[in-house]
Amino acid sequence: MSLLSPKTEKLVKRVTIVATVTASYFLLTADYGPQP
């Protein structure tokens, strides 16, 4: 990650966190949520 600028690295970390939370949300709703 040293090749990225601090601004880009911050953006990458934010996107990674959002992607992780989104994936966890979909996994939880798929297991416990109401079926469509």
PDB file of N, CA and C in Angstrom:
ATOM      1  N   MET A   1       0.822  -1.205   0.000  1.00  0.00           N
ATOM      2  CA  MET A   1       0.000   0.000   0.000  1.00  0.00           C
ATOM      3  C   MET A   1       0.860   1.260   0.000  1.00  0.00           C
ATOM      4  N   SER A   2       2.165   1.108   0.080  1.00  0.00           N
ATOM      5  CA  SER A   2       3.053   2.271   0.149  1.00  0.00           C
ATOM      6  C   SER A   2       3.091   3.020  -1.183  1.00  0.00           C
ATOM      7  N   LEU A   3       2.628   2.371  -2.263  1.00  0.00           N
ATOM      8  CA  LEU A   3       2.637   3.039  -3.560  1.00  0.00           C
ATOM      9  C   LEU A   3       1.509   4.057  -3.672  1.00  0.00           C
ATOM     10  N   LEU A   4       0.484   3.910  -2.833  1.00  0.00           N
ATOM     11  CA  LEU A   4      -0.651   4.818  -2.897  1.00  0.00           C
ATOM     12  C   LEU A   4      -0.388   6.073  -2.084  1.00  0.00           C
ATOM     13  N   SER A   5      -1.004   7.163  -2.508  1.00  0.00           N
ATOM     14  CA  SER A   5      -0.913   8.395  -1.735  1.00  0.00           C
ATOM     15  C   SER A   5      -1.781   8.258  -0.488  1.00  0.00           C
ATOM     16  N   PRO A   6      -1.511   9.035   0.560  1.00  0.00           N
ATOM     17  CA  PRO A   6      -2.317   8.950   1.793  1.00  0.00           C
ATOM     18  C   PRO A   6      -3.804   9.132   1.517  1.00  0.00           C
ATOM     19  N   LYS A   7      -4.145  10.027   0.593  1.00  0.00           N
ATOM     20  CA  LYS A   7      -5.558  10.269   0.275  1.00  0.00           C
ATOM     21  C   LYS A   7      -6.192   9.029  -0.340  1.00  0.00           C
ATOM     22  N   THR A   8      -5.476   8.411  -1.277  1.00  0.00           N
ATOM     23  CA  THR A   8      -5.994   7.212  -1.928  1.00  0.00           C
ATOM     24  C   THR A   8      -6.090   6.058  -0.940  1.00  0.00           C
ATOM     25  N   GLU A   9      -5.079   5.930  -0.081  1.00  0.00           N
ATOM     26  CA  GLU A   9      -5.080   4.856   0.903  1.00  0.00           C
ATOM     27  C   GLU A   9      -6.268   4.987   1.844  1.00  0.00           C
ATOM     28  N   LYS A  10      -6.591   6.221   2.233  1.00  0.00           N
ATOM     29  CA  LYS A  10      -7.741   6.459   3.107  1.00  0.00           C
ATOM     30  C   LYS A  10      -9.030   6.037   2.403  1.00  0.00           C
ATOM     31  N   LEU A  11      -9.132   6.356   1.114  1.00  0.00           N
ATOM     32  CA  LEU A  11     -10.319   5.994   0.342  1.00  0.00           C
ATOM     33  C   LEU A  11     -10.444   4.479   0.227  1.00  0.00           C
ATOM     34  N   VAL A  12      -9.319   3.811  -0.019  1.00  0.00           N
ATOM     35  CA  VAL A  12      -9.328   2.351  -0.138  1.00  0.00           C
ATOM     36  C   VAL A  12      -9.787   1.713   1.173  1.00  0.00           C
ATOM     37  N   LYS A  13      -9.276   2.222   2.294  1.00  0.00           N
ATOM     38  CA  LYS A  13      -9.690   1.673   3.593  1.00  0.00           C
ATOM     39  C   LYS A  13     -11.183   1.872   3.815  1.00  0.00           C
ATOM     40  N   ARG A  14     -11.695   3.045   3.444  1.00  0.00           N
ATOM     41  CA  ARG A  14     -13.120   3.324   3.629  1.00  0.00           C
ATOM     42  C   ARG A  14     -13.963   2.391   2.779  1.00  0.00           C
ATOM     43  N   VAL A  15     -13.566   2.198   1.521  1.00  0.00           N
ATOM     44  CA  VAL A  15     -14.310   1.306   0.626  1.00  0.00           C
ATOM     45  C   VAL A  15     -14.278  -0.124   1.150  1.00  0.00           C
ATOM     46  N   THR A  16     -13.121  -0.543   1.669  1.00  0.00           N
ATOM     47  CA  THR A  16     -12.996  -1.897   2.207  1.00  0.00           C
ATOM     48  C   THR A  16     -13.933  -2.098   3.389  1.00  0.00           C
ATOM     49  N   ILE A  17     -14.004  -1.100   4.275  1.00  0.00           N
ATOM     50  CA  ILE A  17     -14.885  -1.201   5.441  1.00  0.00           C
ATOM     51  C   ILE A  17     -16.339  -1.272   4.992  1.00  0.00           C
ATOM     52  N   VAL A  18     -16.720  -0.409   4.050  1.00  0.00           N
ATOM     53  CA  VAL A  18     -18.100  -0.410   3.564  1.00  0.00           C
ATOM     54  C   VAL A  18     -18.443  -1.746   2.913  1.00  0.00           C
ATOM     55  N   ALA A  19     -17.525  -2.287   2.129  1.00  0.00           N
ATOM     56  CA  ALA A  19     -17.765  -3.562   1.462  1.00  0.00           C
ATOM     57  C   ALA A  19     -17.930  -4.686   2.478  1.00  0.00           C
ATOM     58  N   THR A  20     -17.111  -4.659   3.539  1.00  0.00           N
ATOM     59  CA  THR A  20     -17.200  -5.684   4.576  1.00  0.00           C
ATOM     60  C   THR A  20     -18.535  -5.603   5.305  1.00  0.00           C
ATOM     61  N   VAL A  21     -18.944  -4.389   5.661  1.00  0.00           N
ATOM     62  CA  VAL A  21     -20.222  -4.208   6.361  1.00  0.00           C
ATOM     63  C   VAL A  21     -21.382  -4.631   5.468  1.00  0.00           C
ATOM     64  N   THR A  22     -21.317  -4.259   4.191  1.00  0.00           N
ATOM     65  CA  THR A  22     -22.386  -4.619   3.259  1.00  0.00           C
ATOM     66  C   THR A  22     -22.483  -6.131   3.092  1.00  0.00           C
ATOM     67  N   ALA A  23     -21.346  -6.789   2.958  1.00  0.00           N
ATOM     68  CA  ALA A  23     -21.338  -8.243   2.806  1.00  0.00           C
ATOM     69  C   ALA A  23     -21.905  -8.910   4.052  1.00  0.00           C
ATOM     70  N   SER A  24     -21.512  -8.420   5.226  1.00  0.00           N
ATOM     71  CA  SER A  24     -22.021  -8.983   6.477  1.00  0.00           C
ATOM     72  C   SER A  24     -23.531  -8.786   6.571  1.00  0.00           C
ATOM     73  N   TYR A  25     -24.013  -7.607   6.165  1.00  0.00           N
ATOM     74  CA  TYR A  25     -25.449  -7.314   6.214  1.00  0.00           C
ATOM     75  C   TYR A  25     -26.223  -8.279   5.324  1.00  0.00           C
ATOM     76  N   PHE A  26     -25.735  -8.484   4.106  1.00  0.00           N
ATOM     77  CA  PHE A  26     -26.437  -9.383   3.194  1.00  0.00           C
ATOM     78  C   PHE A  26     -26.395 -10.819   3.698  1.00  0.00           C
ATOM     79  N   LEU A  27     -25.286 -11.235   4.305  1.00  0.00           N
ATOM     80  CA  LEU A  27     -25.204 -12.590   4.851  1.00  0.00           C
ATOM     81  C   LEU A  27     -26.195 -12.764   5.992  1.00  0.00           C
ATOM     82  N   LEU A  28     -26.287 -11.754   6.856  1.00  0.00           N
ATOM     83  CA  LEU A  28     -27.203 -11.842   7.998  1.00  0.00           C
ATOM     84  C   LEU A  28     -28.652 -11.850   7.528  1.00  0.00           C
ATOM     85  N   THR A  29     -28.988 -10.985   6.578  1.00  0.00           N
ATOM     86  CA  THR A  29     -30.373 -10.926   6.114  1.00  0.00           C
ATOM     87  C   THR A  29     -30.730 -12.187   5.338  1.00  0.00           C
ATOM     88  N   ALA A  30     -29.753 -12.783   4.667  1.00  0.00           N
ATOM     89  CA  ALA A  30     -30.017 -14.011   3.927  1.00  0.00           C
ATOM     90  C   ALA A  30     -30.311 -15.154   4.897  1.00  0.00           C
ATOM     91  N   ASP A  31     -29.644 -15.135   6.068  1.00  0.00           N
ATOM     92  CA  ASP A  31     -29.827 -16.210   7.036  1.00  0.00           C
ATOM     93  C   ASP A  31     -31.060 -15.997   7.916  1.00  0.00           C
ATOM     94  N   TYR A  32     -31.277 -14.742   8.359  1.00  0.00           N
ATOM     95  CA  TYR A  32     -32.292 -14.497   9.379  1.00  0.00           C
ATOM     96  C   TYR A  32     -33.442 -13.619   8.906  1.00  0.00           C
ATOM     97  N   GLY A  33     -33.276 -12.949   7.778  1.00  0.00           N
ATOM     98  CA  GLY A  33     -34.293 -12.015   7.311  1.00  0.00           C
ATOM     99  C   GLY A  33     -35.477 -12.734   6.677  1.00  0.00           C
ATOM    100  N   PRO A  34     -36.568 -11.986   6.484  1.00  0.00           N
ATOM    101  CA  PRO A  34     -37.752 -12.557   5.819  1.00  0.00           C
ATOM    102  C   PRO A  34     -37.457 -12.862   4.359  1.00  0.00           C
ATOM    103  N   GLN A  35     -38.004 -13.933   3.872  1.00  0.00           N
ATOM    104  CA  GLN A  35     -37.778 -14.302   2.479  1.00  0.00           C
ATOM    105  C   GLN A  35     -38.737 -13.528   1.584  1.00  0.00           C
ATOM    106  N   PRO A  36     -38.286 -13.054   0.437  1.00  0.00           N
ATOM    107  CA  PRO A  36     -39.149 -12.300  -0.490  1.00  0.00           C
ATOM    108  C   PRO A  36     -40.190 -13.206  -1.143  1.00  0.00           C
TER     109      PRO A  36
END
